[in-house]
Amino acid sequence: MFDSPIDWIIIIAVVLLLFGSTKKIPEFARNIGRATGEFKRGQMEIKNELSKAVNGPVDSPVKKEADYSQIARDLGIDSENKSKEELLNEIRQKINSEN
C-alpha cells in the first residue's frame, strides 16, 4: 500500500497538518535543508583532514642556502679558509668581470 516515496510524503504532510500548523511545514523543510548542508560541510571537512593526513601538510618549499664554496670552485676561485661573505664578494667580482 505504501510502496512509493510519494505515498510516504503525503502521509508525513497529512500528519504535520493534523498535529502542527501550516507554518510548521516550511520551517520543517528549512531545518531539513540546514541539516543536510551541515552534514555535507562535515563530510568536506573530514575529507580535507584525511587528505592532509595522507599527503602531509602543504608548506612552501624550503629554500636551501647556496653552497658558495662549490660555486667558487666551479668559477675557479680558491675557497679555502674564506668566510661566506668573502666568497660571495669574490663570486660577484668574477661574474661582473666576465660580463
C-alpha atoms as a PDB file:
ATOM      1  CA  MET A   1       0.000   0.000   0.000  1.00  0.00           C
ATOM      2  CA  PHE A   2       2.778   2.482   0.909  1.00  0.00           C
ATOM      3  CA  ASP A   3       5.407   1.336  -1.521  1.00  0.00           C
ATOM      4  CA  SER A   4       6.418   4.574  -3.207  1.00  0.00           C
ATOM      5  CA  PRO A   5       8.169   7.565  -1.603  1.00  0.00           C
ATOM      6  CA  ILE A   6       5.344   9.842  -2.777  1.00  0.00           C
ATOM      7  CA  ASP A   7       2.894   7.930  -0.568  1.00  0.00           C
ATOM      8  CA  TRP A   8       5.152   8.500   2.443  1.00  0.00           C
ATOM      9  CA  ILE A   9       5.499  12.216   1.657  1.00  0.00           C
ATOM     10  CA  ILE A  10       1.722  12.559   1.520  1.00  0.00           C
ATOM     11  CA  ILE A  11       1.358  10.737   4.856  1.00  0.00           C
ATOM     12  CA  ILE A  12       4.008  12.943   6.503  1.00  0.00           C
ATOM     13  CA  ALA A  13       2.338  16.085   5.144  1.00  0.00           C
ATOM     14  CA  VAL A  14      -1.071  14.997   6.475  1.00  0.00           C
ATOM     15  CA  VAL A  15       0.400  14.204   9.912  1.00  0.00           C
ATOM     16  CA  LEU A  16       2.145  17.569  10.021  1.00  0.00           C
ATOM     17  CA  LEU A  17      -1.067  19.348   9.089  1.00  0.00           C
ATOM     18  CA  LEU A  18      -3.002  17.493  11.777  1.00  0.00           C
ATOM     19  CA  PHE A  19      -0.517  17.956  14.624  1.00  0.00           C
ATOM     20  CA  GLY A  20       1.102  21.211  13.578  1.00  0.00           C
ATOM     21  CA  SER A  21       0.144  24.326  11.780  1.00  0.00           C
ATOM     22  CA  THR A  22       0.816  25.179   8.155  1.00  0.00           C
ATOM     23  CA  LYS A  23       3.607  27.477   9.354  1.00  0.00           C
ATOM     24  CA  LYS A  24       5.492  24.454  10.655  1.00  0.00           C
ATOM     25  CA  ILE A  25       5.880  22.783   7.227  1.00  0.00           C
ATOM     26  CA  PRO A  26       8.206  25.444   5.699  1.00  0.00           C
ATOM     27  CA  GLU A  27      10.115  25.617   8.988  1.00  0.00           C
ATOM     28  CA  PHE A  28      10.489  21.849   8.951  1.00  0.00           C
ATOM     29  CA  ALA A  29      11.718  21.930   5.336  1.00  0.00           C
ATOM     30  CA  ARG A  30      14.255  24.692   6.201  1.00  0.00           C
ATOM     31  CA  ASN A  31      15.550  22.675   9.128  1.00  0.00           C
ATOM     32  CA  ILE A  32      15.992  19.635   6.909  1.00  0.00           C
ATOM     33  CA  GLY A  33      17.893  21.783   4.394  1.00  0.00           C
ATOM     34  CA  ARG A  34      20.150  23.212   7.089  1.00  0.00           C
ATOM     35  CA  ALA A  35      20.840  19.767   8.494  1.00  0.00           C
ATOM     36  CA  THR A  36      21.723  18.494   5.038  1.00  0.00           C
ATOM     37  CA  GLY A  37      24.076  21.450   4.486  1.00  0.00           C
ATOM     38  CA  GLU A  38      25.789  20.889   7.837  1.00  0.00           C
ATOM     39  CA  PHE A  39      26.182  17.202   7.020  1.00  0.00           C
ATOM     40  CA  LYS A  40      27.802  17.996   3.659  1.00  0.00           C
ATOM     41  CA  ARG A  41      30.131  20.576   5.261  1.00  0.00           C
ATOM     42  CA  GLY A  42      31.135  17.979   7.835  1.00  0.00           C
ATOM     43  CA  GLN A  43      31.877  15.494   5.070  1.00  0.00           C
ATOM     44  CA  MET A  44      34.053  18.051   3.260  1.00  0.00           C
ATOM     45  CA  GLU A  45      35.971  18.874   6.459  1.00  0.00           C
ATOM     46  CA  ILE A  46      36.635  15.205   7.125  1.00  0.00           C
ATOM     47  CA  LYS A  47      37.718  14.688   3.520  1.00  0.00           C
ATOM     48  CA  ASN A  48      40.120  17.658   3.751  1.00  0.00           C
ATOM     49  CA  GLU A  49      41.561  16.448   7.059  1.00  0.00           C
ATOM     50  CA  LEU A  50      42.107  12.966   5.650  1.00  0.00           C
ATOM     51  CA  SER A  51      43.792  14.279   2.525  1.00  0.00           C
ATOM     52  CA  LYS A  52      46.074  16.481   4.674  1.00  0.00           C
ATOM     53  CA  ALA A  53      46.947  13.475   6.825  1.00  0.00           C
ATOM     54  CA  VAL A  54      47.705  11.292   3.810  1.00  0.00           C
ATOM     55  CA  ASN A  55      49.516  13.863   1.673  1.00  0.00           C
ATOM     56  CA  GLY A  56      51.131  15.776   4.516  1.00  0.00           C
ATOM     57  CA  PRO A  57      50.752  19.480   5.139  1.00  0.00           C
ATOM     58  CA  VAL A  58      51.150  21.721   2.155  1.00  0.00           C
ATOM     59  CA  ASP A  59      54.018  24.031   3.058  1.00  0.00           C
ATOM     60  CA  SER A  60      56.020  26.384   0.959  1.00  0.00           C
ATOM     61  CA  PRO A  61      59.142  24.805  -0.449  1.00  0.00           C
ATOM     62  CA  VAL A  62      62.127  25.051   1.850  1.00  0.00           C
ATOM     63  CA  LYS A  63      64.755  27.383   0.489  1.00  0.00           C
ATOM     64  CA  LYS A  64      68.224  25.916   0.575  1.00  0.00           C
ATOM     65  CA  GLU A  65      71.149  28.165   1.108  1.00  0.00           C
ATOM     66  CA  ALA A  66      73.517  28.209  -1.807  1.00  0.00           C
ATOM     67  CA  ASP A  67      76.812  26.343  -1.384  1.00  0.00           C
ATOM     68  CA  TYR A  68      79.126  29.253  -2.042  1.00  0.00           C
ATOM     69  CA  SER A  69      82.266  27.154  -1.749  1.00  0.00           C
ATOM     70  CA  GLN A  70      81.046  24.864  -4.551  1.00  0.00           C
ATOM     71  CA  ILE A  71      80.087  27.840  -6.716  1.00  0.00           C
ATOM     72  CA  ALA A  72      83.510  29.419  -6.099  1.00  0.00           C
ATOM     73  CA  ARG A  73      85.300  26.199  -7.081  1.00  0.00           C
ATOM     74  CA  ASP A  74      83.183  25.963 -10.241  1.00  0.00           C
ATOM     75  CA  LEU A  75      84.270  29.510 -11.139  1.00  0.00           C
ATOM     76  CA  GLY A  76      87.924  28.728 -10.421  1.00  0.00           C
ATOM     77  CA  ILE A  77      88.129  30.677  -7.161  1.00  0.00           C
ATOM     78  CA  ASP A  78      90.111  29.279  -4.215  1.00  0.00           C
ATOM     79  CA  SER A  79      87.570  28.791  -1.425  1.00  0.00           C
ATOM     80  CA  GLU A  80      89.768  27.531   1.428  1.00  0.00           C
ATOM     81  CA  ASN A  81      89.812  29.495   4.694  1.00  0.00           C
ATOM     82  CA  LYS A  82      87.390  32.145   3.422  1.00  0.00           C
ATOM     83  CA  SER A  83      84.197  33.303   5.041  1.00  0.00           C
ATOM     84  CA  LYS A  84      80.856  33.213   3.318  1.00  0.00           C
ATOM     85  CA  GLU A  85      80.955  36.986   2.762  1.00  0.00           C
ATOM     86  CA  GLU A  86      84.439  36.815   1.236  1.00  0.00           C
ATOM     87  CA  LEU A  87      83.387  34.032  -1.109  1.00  0.00           C
ATOM     88  CA  LEU A  88      80.243  35.921  -2.062  1.00  0.00           C
ATOM     89  CA  ASN A  89      82.241  39.066  -2.871  1.00  0.00           C
ATOM     90  CA  GLU A  90      84.756  37.131  -4.972  1.00  0.00           C
ATOM     91  CA  ILE A  91      81.955  35.341  -6.834  1.00  0.00           C
ATOM     92  CA  ARG A  92      80.301  38.699  -7.599  1.00  0.00           C
ATOM     93  CA  GLN A  93      83.593  40.158  -8.800  1.00  0.00           C
ATOM     94  CA  LYS A  94      84.258  37.128 -11.023  1.00  0.00           C
ATOM     95  CA  ILE A  95      80.787  37.288 -12.545  1.00  0.00           C
ATOM     96  CA  ASN A  96      80.986  41.070 -13.091  1.00  0.00           C
ATOM     97  CA  SER A  97      84.415  40.811 -14.687  1.00  0.00           C
ATOM     98  CA  GLU A  98      83.170  38.192 -17.145  1.00  0.00           C
ATOM     99  CA  ASN A  99      80.295  40.399 -18.265  1.00  0.00           C
END
